[in-house]
Amino acid sequence: MEKENKNVHTTESIFEPEVRKHHRRKKKLLEFTHSSTRATMIMLGAAVLALIIENTPLLPTFGEFWNSFYLGISIGSFEPHISIGHFINDFLMALFFLVVGLEIKYEFTAGELTNPRKALLPIIAAVGGAVLPALVYLAFNMGSGFEHGWGVPMANDIAFCLGILALLGSRVPAGLRAFLSTLTIVDDMIAILVIAVFYTANLNVIWLAAGLALFAVLIVLNRMHVYGLAPYLLIGLALWVCILLSGVHATVAGVLVALTIPAQSQVKLGRVNTWFEAKAQNADERYDPGQPDIAQKEYLEEVAQIGRVSRMTIPPITQLDYFLHTPVYFVILPLFAFANAGVLLAGTDILALIMSPVTIGVFFGLLVGKPIGIFVATWLTVKLKISELPDGVCWGHILGVSILGGVGFTMAIFVTNLAFTDPTTIASAKIAILAASLVAGLIGFFILRREALCADCADDEPEQLEAVAD
């Protein structure tokens, strides 16, 4: 009887029997698409597939598909035409930056960045992890003509870093997850600033002013407590067009839109439970077991009101993040990797590619500059008592995540496409990014795994001693 009563409160118990299987399948799909580890594996698989295709007879068709086919739209006399490759890099990646912007806003609103003392540690670590790789790159490229590629090794990959950390499961301290999450968010903020300031060409002031005006409209909507997402997204689309035509990279529009999305619920959460209970009681009183479902008008109206308030309870920023998570991490990022990660090796002088100052600068910038910058900045911040390590986190953990910082992938490839135009130089940067990201990911993972195993052994020691004493 107790088991029966318990089942009444499960979600599945309210469905008709024929609907339950569909509900289970949907639940499994949601679980699958909210795993950062699986998203990382799919993105890695897309990159490997691109690398393979790039070095097969399919190459001409592959390259032509991304660069020769155009998507065109017409709005009066305005008829822009962009290739599929540019559509992915300029429009779809703006949605990725929109998600990054939502994460940035969350950190400032409810995350680690709300506490200045706690926030200082990952912020300073991220700055150290951005400055040193750029200096390492410049050390290998001064006078080479490729100095403007210094931004390539600055940024790490939030999806890959968190995906690798997720492989270790609950053995990783919660404080370390928060540290790495905040570090990667701040790292992305630095990358966005670098893209906007240093990788913008032929600035069109009129279009930029129009974009800023639309951004101001979005801020006004936020201040007027407009909670519906539709106005933000429609104006955001117009903002994207203005930023694209201004010469500033269009993905910046995604971050600007994200910063204006309301982070507050429309209802007072402290009172909503009482309201739900009263409405549920009203609905129960209006339910007539003898009537077919379609005739339960009063009952259905009460339930509809509960549904409307339930939707209003979820803050718009949470709604949008939930809606975009699956398409961004399981479609857009793998598509970006598939379109951009390929490197032509067949018929290439591999030794010349490896010995290129761009390859060396990017590789050592990510694999050496990034980890040292993060670790030393963290160490100095703690030693100078500016901040302290999170609970349960030791220096072995910091070493592991510092090396994970060398996983550049998405952001590094993205900046590569902005920094260089020559295909050979782009190939040099990409091969360095892929090699450094692979090595950094493996080393970082095994260091963190060793720390997790040591922690498990330390936890088991008291029990073993008790057993021996008995």
Protein backbone atom coordinates (compact mmCIF):
# COMPACT_ATOMS: atom_id res chain seq x y z
CA MET A 1 0.00 0.00 0.00
CA GLU A 2 2.86 2.37 0.90
CA LYS A 3 4.55 1.55 -2.42
CA GLU A 4 1.29 2.27 -4.23
CA ASN A 5 0.93 5.67 -2.54
CA LYS A 6 4.55 6.50 -3.39
CA ASN A 7 3.93 5.74 -7.06
CA VAL A 8 1.01 8.17 -7.12
CA HIS A 9 3.48 11.03 -6.70
CA THR A 10 5.79 9.99 -9.56
CA THR A 11 5.47 11.92 -12.83
CA GLU A 12 4.96 8.78 -14.87
CA SER A 13 1.96 7.69 -12.81
CA ILE A 14 -0.23 10.54 -14.12
CA PHE A 15 0.15 9.48 -17.77
CA GLU A 16 -2.17 7.17 -19.64
CA PRO A 17 -0.55 3.72 -20.06
CA GLU A 18 -0.04 4.16 -23.83
CA VAL A 19 1.78 7.48 -23.25
CA ARG A 20 4.24 6.19 -20.64
CA LYS A 21 6.66 4.60 -23.13
CA HIS A 22 6.81 7.83 -25.11
CA HIS A 23 7.47 9.74 -21.87
CA ARG A 24 10.32 7.33 -20.96
CA ARG A 25 11.92 7.76 -24.41
CA LYS A 26 11.68 11.55 -24.14
CA LYS A 27 13.18 11.45 -20.65
CA LYS A 28 16.12 9.34 -21.87
CA LEU A 29 16.68 11.73 -24.78
CA LEU A 30 16.71 14.71 -22.39
CA GLU A 31 19.21 12.93 -20.13
CA PHE A 32 21.41 12.16 -23.14
CA THR A 33 21.35 15.72 -24.48
CA HIS A 34 22.17 17.28 -21.09
CA SER A 35 25.43 15.40 -20.68
CA SER A 36 28.50 17.59 -21.23
CA THR A 37 30.62 14.44 -21.69
CA ARG A 38 28.49 13.20 -24.59
CA ALA A 39 28.44 16.67 -26.16
CA THR A 40 32.24 16.74 -25.97
CA MET A 41 32.54 13.30 -27.59
CA ILE A 42 30.19 14.27 -30.45
CA MET A 43 32.12 17.49 -31.10
CA LEU A 44 35.43 15.58 -31.05
CA GLY A 45 33.97 12.99 -33.44
CA ALA A 46 32.89 15.77 -35.83
CA ALA A 47 36.41 17.24 -35.79
CA VAL A 48 38.02 13.84 -36.48
CA LEU A 49 35.56 13.21 -39.33
CA ALA A 50 36.41 16.61 -40.87
CA LEU A 51 40.13 15.81 -40.59
CA ILE A 52 39.61 12.48 -42.36
CA ILE A 53 37.45 13.94 -45.17
CA GLU A 54 39.93 16.77 -45.69
CA ASN A 55 42.55 14.19 -46.64
CA THR A 56 40.45 12.03 -49.00
CA PRO A 57 39.23 12.49 -52.60
CA LEU A 58 36.06 14.01 -51.11
CA LEU A 59 38.00 17.22 -50.32
CA PRO A 60 36.92 19.28 -53.40
CA THR A 61 33.23 18.53 -52.76
CA PHE A 62 33.68 19.13 -49.03
CA GLY A 63 35.31 22.54 -49.53
CA GLU A 64 32.85 23.57 -52.23
CA PHE A 65 29.88 22.75 -50.02
CA TRP A 66 30.93 25.17 -47.25
CA ASN A 67 32.18 28.00 -49.46
CA SER A 68 30.32 27.86 -52.77
CA PHE A 69 26.72 27.34 -51.69
CA TYR A 70 24.97 30.50 -50.57
CA LEU A 71 21.97 31.23 -48.40
CA GLY A 72 20.05 34.29 -49.54
CA ILE A 73 17.24 36.27 -47.95
CA SER A 74 15.36 39.29 -49.26
CA ILE A 75 13.96 42.15 -47.20
CA GLY A 76 12.93 44.76 -49.79
CA SER A 77 16.09 45.87 -51.55
CA PHE A 78 18.24 44.27 -48.84
CA GLU A 79 19.45 40.93 -50.24
CA PRO A 80 22.45 39.59 -48.33
CA HIS A 81 24.00 36.31 -49.53
CA ILE A 82 26.31 34.37 -47.25
CA SER A 83 27.94 30.98 -47.73
CA ILE A 84 26.96 28.05 -45.52
CA GLY A 85 30.39 28.29 -43.87
CA HIS A 86 29.82 31.93 -42.98
CA PHE A 87 26.27 31.16 -41.85
CA ILE A 88 27.70 28.64 -39.35
CA ASN A 89 30.55 30.89 -38.18
CA ASP A 90 28.66 34.18 -38.11
CA PHE A 91 25.05 33.28 -37.30
CA LEU A 92 24.90 29.85 -35.64
CA MET A 93 27.97 30.62 -33.52
CA ALA A 94 26.19 33.80 -32.38
CA LEU A 95 23.73 31.42 -30.69
CA PHE A 96 26.67 29.71 -28.97
CA PHE A 97 27.87 33.12 -27.77
CA LEU A 98 24.30 33.82 -26.63
CA VAL A 99 24.54 30.74 -24.37
CA VAL A 100 27.98 31.89 -23.17
CA GLY A 101 26.45 35.29 -22.40
CA LEU A 102 23.64 33.64 -20.42
CA GLU A 103 26.26 31.74 -18.40
CA ILE A 104 28.19 34.96 -17.80
CA LYS A 105 25.02 36.67 -16.56
CA TYR A 106 24.20 33.71 -14.31
CA GLU A 107 27.66 33.87 -12.72
CA PHE A 108 27.24 37.61 -12.02
CA THR A 109 23.66 37.15 -10.77
CA ALA A 110 23.77 33.94 -8.73
CA GLY A 111 27.14 32.23 -9.28
CA GLU A 112 30.70 32.62 -8.07
CA LEU A 113 31.05 36.17 -9.43
CA THR A 114 28.50 37.51 -6.92
CA ASN A 115 31.06 37.09 -4.12
CA PRO A 116 33.98 39.45 -4.89
CA ARG A 117 36.51 37.58 -2.74
CA LYS A 118 35.63 34.16 -4.19
CA ALA A 119 35.40 35.56 -7.71
CA LEU A 120 38.88 37.10 -7.58
CA LEU A 121 40.65 33.71 -7.68
CA PRO A 122 39.24 32.42 -11.01
CA ILE A 123 39.20 35.96 -12.49
CA ILE A 124 42.91 36.52 -11.82
CA ALA A 125 43.65 32.94 -12.93
CA ALA A 126 41.80 33.56 -16.22
CA VAL A 127 43.73 36.81 -16.82
CA GLY A 128 47.04 35.03 -16.21
CA GLY A 129 45.90 32.23 -18.51
CA ALA A 130 45.11 34.75 -21.26
CA VAL A 131 48.15 37.05 -21.06
CA LEU A 132 50.98 34.49 -20.86
CA PRO A 133 49.93 32.41 -23.93
CA ALA A 134 49.79 35.60 -26.00
CA LEU A 135 53.31 36.51 -24.85
CA VAL A 136 54.57 32.98 -25.61
CA TYR A 137 53.08 33.20 -29.10
CA LEU A 138 54.68 36.62 -29.71
CA ALA A 139 58.05 35.31 -28.47
CA PHE A 140 58.05 32.81 -31.36
CA ASN A 141 56.51 35.16 -33.95
CA MET A 142 58.09 38.61 -33.50
CA GLY A 143 59.23 39.76 -36.94
CA SER A 144 57.60 36.78 -38.69
CA GLY A 145 54.67 38.76 -40.10
CA PHE A 146 52.20 36.61 -38.12
CA GLU A 147 52.19 38.66 -34.91
CA HIS A 148 48.45 39.36 -35.21
CA GLY A 149 47.74 35.70 -34.33
CA TRP A 150 48.54 36.32 -30.66
CA GLY A 151 44.84 35.98 -29.77
CA VAL A 152 44.61 32.36 -30.98
CA PRO A 153 46.11 30.59 -27.88
CA MET A 154 44.42 32.94 -25.39
CA ALA A 155 41.02 31.25 -25.14
CA ASN A 156 40.16 27.78 -23.88
CA ASP A 157 37.11 25.66 -24.72
CA ILE A 158 34.38 25.73 -22.09
CA ALA A 159 32.54 22.68 -23.48
CA PHE A 160 35.64 20.47 -23.68
CA CYS A 161 37.03 21.53 -20.28
CA LEU A 162 33.78 20.86 -18.42
CA GLY A 163 33.19 17.69 -20.47
CA ILE A 164 36.58 16.26 -19.46
CA LEU A 165 35.96 17.20 -15.81
CA ALA A 166 32.54 15.50 -15.99
CA LEU A 167 34.27 12.19 -16.85
CA LEU A 168 35.51 12.07 -13.24
CA GLY A 169 31.96 12.34 -11.88
CA SER A 170 31.38 13.02 -8.19
CA ARG A 171 35.05 12.39 -7.30
CA VAL A 172 35.80 16.01 -8.25
CA PRO A 173 35.21 18.55 -5.43
CA ALA A 174 32.28 20.88 -6.04
CA GLY A 175 34.59 23.84 -5.42
CA LEU A 176 36.83 22.74 -8.29
CA ARG A 177 33.88 22.58 -10.69
CA ALA A 178 32.88 26.10 -9.65
CA PHE A 179 36.48 27.31 -10.05
CA LEU A 180 36.83 25.83 -13.56
CA SER A 181 33.36 26.97 -14.65
CA THR A 182 34.02 30.55 -13.54
CA LEU A 183 37.53 30.52 -15.01
CA THR A 184 36.25 29.40 -18.42
CA ILE A 185 33.43 31.97 -18.31
CA VAL A 186 35.87 34.81 -17.55
CA ASP A 187 38.22 33.38 -20.20
CA ASP A 188 35.38 33.62 -22.73
CA MET A 189 34.67 37.21 -21.65
CA ILE A 190 38.32 38.09 -22.36
CA ALA A 191 38.13 36.31 -25.73
CA ILE A 192 34.95 38.20 -26.68
CA LEU A 193 36.61 41.50 -25.75
CA VAL A 194 39.70 40.61 -27.80
CA ILE A 195 37.54 39.68 -30.82
CA ALA A 196 35.53 42.91 -30.58
CA VAL A 197 38.53 45.22 -30.14
CA PHE A 198 41.43 43.62 -32.02
CA TYR A 199 39.81 41.48 -34.73
CA THR A 200 37.40 44.04 -36.13
CA ALA A 201 38.17 45.45 -39.59
CA ASN A 202 36.55 48.25 -41.63
CA LEU A 203 34.36 49.57 -38.84
CA ASN A 204 31.10 51.11 -40.08
CA VAL A 205 30.10 53.67 -37.46
CA ILE A 206 26.51 54.07 -38.74
CA TRP A 207 25.68 50.35 -38.47
CA LEU A 208 27.49 50.16 -35.10
CA ALA A 209 25.41 53.10 -33.82
CA ALA A 210 22.23 51.35 -35.03
CA GLY A 211 23.30 48.19 -33.21
CA LEU A 212 24.00 50.10 -29.99
CA ALA A 213 20.60 51.80 -30.29
CA LEU A 214 18.92 48.39 -30.50
CA PHE A 215 20.97 47.24 -27.50
CA ALA A 216 19.64 50.27 -25.62
CA VAL A 217 16.08 49.23 -26.58
CA LEU A 218 16.74 45.77 -25.11
CA ILE A 219 17.96 47.36 -21.87
CA VAL A 220 14.77 49.47 -21.73
CA LEU A 221 12.65 46.32 -22.21
CA ASN A 222 14.52 44.74 -19.29
CA ARG A 223 13.97 47.82 -17.10
CA MET A 224 10.27 47.83 -18.03
CA HIS A 225 10.04 44.22 -16.78
CA VAL A 226 9.12 42.73 -20.15
CA TYR A 227 9.47 39.00 -19.51
CA GLY A 228 8.41 37.51 -22.84
CA LEU A 229 11.38 36.19 -24.84
CA ALA A 230 9.93 37.02 -28.30
CA PRO A 231 10.71 40.81 -28.23
CA TYR A 232 14.29 40.15 -27.10
CA LEU A 233 14.91 37.55 -29.80
CA LEU A 234 13.33 39.60 -32.63
CA ILE A 235 15.25 42.76 -31.69
CA GLY A 236 18.30 40.56 -31.11
CA LEU A 237 18.09 39.31 -34.71
CA ALA A 238 18.06 42.92 -35.96
CA LEU A 239 20.97 43.68 -33.62
CA TRP A 240 22.90 40.74 -35.15
CA VAL A 241 22.40 42.19 -38.66
CA CYS A 242 23.62 45.63 -37.53
CA ILE A 243 26.69 44.23 -35.79
CA LEU A 244 27.46 42.03 -38.84
CA LEU A 245 27.31 45.03 -41.19
CA SER A 246 29.26 47.24 -38.76
CA GLY A 247 32.44 45.18 -39.17
CA VAL A 248 32.49 44.01 -35.53
CA HIS A 249 32.22 40.24 -35.46
CA ALA A 250 28.53 39.32 -35.42
CA THR A 251 28.85 36.79 -32.59
CA VAL A 252 29.29 39.71 -30.16
CA ALA A 253 25.57 40.35 -30.72
CA GLY A 254 24.77 37.07 -28.96
CA VAL A 255 26.51 38.22 -25.77
CA LEU A 256 24.84 41.66 -25.87
CA VAL A 257 21.38 40.08 -26.18
CA ALA A 258 22.10 37.62 -23.35
CA LEU A 259 23.03 40.41 -20.94
CA THR A 260 19.57 41.97 -21.32
CA ILE A 261 17.48 38.80 -20.79
CA PRO A 262 15.66 39.07 -17.41
CA ALA A 263 17.05 36.82 -14.69
CA GLN A 264 14.11 37.25 -12.33
CA SER A 265 10.89 35.27 -12.09
CA GLN A 266 7.60 37.03 -12.82
CA VAL A 267 6.04 35.67 -9.63
CA LYS A 268 7.05 35.80 -5.97
CA LEU A 269 8.51 32.34 -5.44
CA GLY A 270 7.84 32.46 -1.70
CA ARG A 271 4.09 32.65 -2.31
CA VAL A 272 3.72 30.35 -5.29
CA ASN A 273 3.44 27.08 -3.30
CA THR A 274 0.44 28.34 -1.34
CA TRP A 275 -1.20 29.51 -4.58
CA PHE A 276 -0.56 26.13 -6.25
CA GLU A 277 -2.08 24.29 -3.29
CA ALA A 278 -5.23 26.44 -3.40
CA LYS A 279 -5.57 26.02 -7.18
CA ALA A 280 -4.99 22.27 -6.94
CA GLN A 281 -7.77 22.10 -4.33
CA ASN A 282 -10.11 24.10 -6.60
CA ALA A 283 -9.30 21.82 -9.55
CA ASP A 284 -9.95 18.73 -7.42
CA GLU A 285 -13.37 20.07 -6.42
CA ARG A 286 -14.30 20.73 -10.06
CA TYR A 287 -13.28 17.31 -11.35
CA ASP A 288 -16.25 15.09 -12.30
CA PRO A 289 -15.22 11.42 -12.71
CA GLY A 290 -18.40 10.75 -14.69
CA GLN A 291 -17.59 13.23 -17.47
CA PRO A 292 -15.25 12.68 -20.45
CA ASP A 293 -11.99 14.67 -20.41
CA ILE A 294 -13.12 17.17 -23.04
CA ALA A 295 -16.20 18.10 -20.98
CA GLN A 296 -14.20 18.96 -17.82
CA LYS A 297 -14.18 22.67 -18.72
CA GLU A 298 -13.98 24.18 -15.22
CA TYR A 299 -11.38 21.64 -14.15
CA LEU A 300 -9.28 22.22 -17.30
CA GLU A 301 -9.45 26.00 -16.81
CA GLU A 302 -8.03 25.65 -13.29
CA VAL A 303 -5.25 23.38 -14.61
CA ALA A 304 -4.54 25.84 -17.45
CA GLN A 305 -4.07 28.63 -14.89
CA ILE A 306 -1.64 26.44 -12.95
CA GLY A 307 0.26 25.79 -16.19
CA ARG A 308 0.45 29.50 -17.06
CA VAL A 309 1.77 30.44 -13.63
CA SER A 310 4.23 27.50 -13.71
CA ARG A 311 5.70 28.84 -16.95
CA MET A 312 5.85 32.37 -15.52
CA THR A 313 7.70 31.04 -12.47
CA ILE A 314 10.75 30.06 -14.56
CA PRO A 315 13.02 33.11 -15.17
CA PRO A 316 13.41 33.95 -18.90
CA ILE A 317 17.19 33.46 -18.72
CA THR A 318 16.63 29.86 -17.50
CA GLN A 319 13.98 29.19 -20.14
CA LEU A 320 16.24 30.37 -22.97
CA ASP A 321 19.28 28.50 -21.67
CA TYR A 322 17.26 25.27 -21.45
CA PHE A 323 15.83 25.79 -24.94
CA LEU A 324 19.23 26.48 -26.53
CA HIS A 325 21.37 23.93 -24.67
CA THR A 326 20.64 20.92 -26.89
CA PRO A 327 20.81 22.63 -30.31
CA VAL A 328 23.98 24.53 -29.36
CA TYR A 329 25.98 21.70 -27.80
CA PHE A 330 24.68 18.81 -29.90
CA VAL A 331 24.17 20.51 -33.29
CA ILE A 332 25.87 23.91 -33.63
CA LEU A 333 29.23 23.14 -31.98
CA PRO A 334 29.65 19.77 -33.76
CA LEU A 335 28.68 21.50 -37.03
CA PHE A 336 31.25 24.23 -36.36
CA ALA A 337 33.91 21.58 -35.64
CA PHE A 338 32.95 19.66 -38.79
CA ALA A 339 33.15 22.79 -40.95
CA ASN A 340 36.35 24.23 -39.44
CA ALA A 341 38.54 21.55 -37.85
CA GLY A 342 39.76 19.93 -41.07
CA VAL A 343 43.46 20.32 -41.97
CA LEU A 344 44.84 19.31 -45.38
CA LEU A 345 47.90 17.10 -44.77
CA ALA A 346 48.06 15.20 -48.07
CA GLY A 347 50.68 16.78 -50.35
CA THR A 348 51.77 19.18 -47.61
CA ASP A 349 55.32 19.58 -46.36
CA ILE A 350 54.60 18.26 -42.86
CA LEU A 351 58.01 19.29 -41.49
CA ALA A 352 57.55 22.87 -42.74
CA LEU A 353 54.04 22.90 -41.23
CA ILE A 354 55.32 21.70 -37.85
CA MET A 355 58.28 24.09 -37.85
CA SER A 356 56.14 27.11 -38.78
CA PRO A 357 56.43 29.86 -36.13
CA VAL A 358 52.61 29.97 -36.04
CA THR A 359 52.42 26.24 -35.23
CA ILE A 360 55.10 26.51 -32.55
CA GLY A 361 53.67 29.70 -31.06
CA VAL A 362 50.10 28.37 -30.84
CA PHE A 363 51.17 24.92 -29.58
CA PHE A 364 53.41 26.18 -26.78
CA GLY A 365 51.07 29.08 -26.06
CA LEU A 366 48.26 26.61 -25.29
CA LEU A 367 50.25 23.75 -23.77
CA VAL A 368 52.82 25.76 -21.78
CA GLY A 369 51.71 29.40 -21.58
CA LYS A 370 48.11 28.69 -20.64
CA PRO A 371 48.74 26.22 -17.77
CA ILE A 372 51.65 28.22 -16.31
CA GLY A 373 49.66 31.45 -16.55
CA ILE A 374 46.65 29.95 -14.75
CA PHE A 375 48.67 28.11 -12.09
CA VAL A 376 51.09 30.96 -11.24
CA ALA A 377 48.28 33.55 -11.13
CA THR A 378 46.29 31.27 -8.79
CA TRP A 379 49.34 30.56 -6.59
CA LEU A 380 50.20 34.26 -6.25
CA THR A 381 46.58 35.17 -5.46
CA VAL A 382 46.47 32.62 -2.62
CA LYS A 383 49.98 33.35 -1.29
CA LEU A 384 49.27 37.09 -1.20
CA LYS A 385 46.04 36.28 0.70
CA ILE A 386 43.92 38.07 -1.88
CA SER A 387 41.71 34.97 -2.06
CA GLU A 388 41.84 31.31 -1.04
CA LEU A 389 41.38 27.89 -2.60
CA PRO A 390 37.80 26.52 -2.61
CA ASP A 391 36.89 23.92 0.02
CA GLY A 392 38.25 20.46 -0.76
CA VAL A 393 40.56 21.74 -3.51
CA CYS A 394 44.31 21.14 -3.33
CA TRP A 395 47.19 22.29 -5.52
CA GLY A 396 47.11 19.02 -7.45
CA HIS A 397 43.57 19.87 -8.54
CA ILE A 398 44.67 23.38 -9.58
CA LEU A 399 47.52 21.88 -11.61
CA GLY A 400 45.05 19.57 -13.38
CA VAL A 401 42.58 22.30 -14.32
CA SER A 402 45.43 24.64 -15.29
CA ILE A 403 46.58 22.10 -17.87
CA LEU A 404 42.96 21.59 -19.00
CA GLY A 405 43.04 25.32 -19.75
CA GLY A 406 45.27 24.44 -22.70
CA VAL A 407 42.31 22.82 -24.47
CA GLY A 408 41.59 25.60 -26.96
CA PHE A 409 39.58 23.93 -29.73
CA THR A 410 36.33 25.87 -30.50
CA MET A 411 37.36 29.36 -29.42
CA ALA A 412 40.95 29.01 -30.67
CA ILE A 413 39.77 27.81 -34.12
CA PHE A 414 37.22 30.60 -34.14
CA VAL A 415 39.90 33.26 -33.51
CA THR A 416 42.17 31.57 -36.09
CA ASN A 417 39.56 32.19 -38.79
CA LEU A 418 39.52 35.87 -37.80
CA ALA A 419 43.28 36.31 -37.44
CA PHE A 420 44.48 34.70 -40.67
CA THR A 421 43.36 34.55 -44.31
CA ASP A 422 46.15 32.43 -45.82
CA PRO A 423 45.07 28.72 -45.97
CA THR A 424 48.58 27.45 -45.09
CA THR A 425 48.78 29.69 -42.01
CA ILE A 426 45.27 28.66 -40.94
CA ALA A 427 46.29 24.99 -41.33
CA SER A 428 49.41 25.61 -39.19
CA ALA A 429 47.34 27.18 -36.41
CA LYS A 430 44.68 24.44 -36.55
CA ILE A 431 47.14 21.55 -36.36
CA ALA A 432 48.77 23.22 -33.33
CA ILE A 433 45.37 23.74 -31.69
CA LEU A 434 44.31 20.12 -32.25
CA ALA A 435 47.65 18.72 -31.02
CA ALA A 436 47.88 20.97 -27.96
CA SER A 437 44.21 20.40 -27.04
CA LEU A 438 44.63 16.61 -27.25
CA VAL A 439 47.80 16.57 -25.14
CA ALA A 440 46.45 19.09 -22.59
CA GLY A 441 43.15 17.21 -22.29
CA LEU A 442 44.86 13.86 -21.65
CA ILE A 443 47.46 15.19 -19.18
CA GLY A 444 44.90 17.29 -17.31
CA PHE A 445 42.47 14.36 -17.08
CA PHE A 446 45.07 11.92 -15.73
CA ILE A 447 46.37 14.40 -13.15
CA LEU A 448 42.83 15.03 -11.88
CA ARG A 449 42.10 11.29 -11.95
CA ARG A 450 45.21 10.64 -9.84
CA GLU A 451 44.10 13.29 -7.33
CA ALA A 452 40.64 11.70 -7.20
CA LEU A 453 42.12 8.23 -6.58
CA CYS A 454 44.42 9.59 -3.84
CA ALA A 455 41.42 11.23 -2.18
CA ASP A 456 39.49 7.92 -2.34
CA CYS A 457 42.43 6.09 -0.71
CA ALA A 458 42.64 8.73 2.04
CA ASP A 459 38.89 8.34 2.72
CA ASP A 460 39.21 4.55 2.94
CA GLU A 461 42.22 4.62 5.30
CA PRO A 462 40.30 5.20 8.58
CA GLU A 463 37.94 2.30 7.76
CA GLN A 464 40.90 -0.02 7.00
CA LEU A 465 42.60 0.93 10.29
CA GLU A 466 39.35 0.22 12.19
CA ALA A 467 39.08 -3.18 10.52
CA VAL A 468 42.68 -4.04 11.49
CA ALA A 469 42.06 -2.91 15.09
CA ASP A 470 38.95 -5.09 15.32
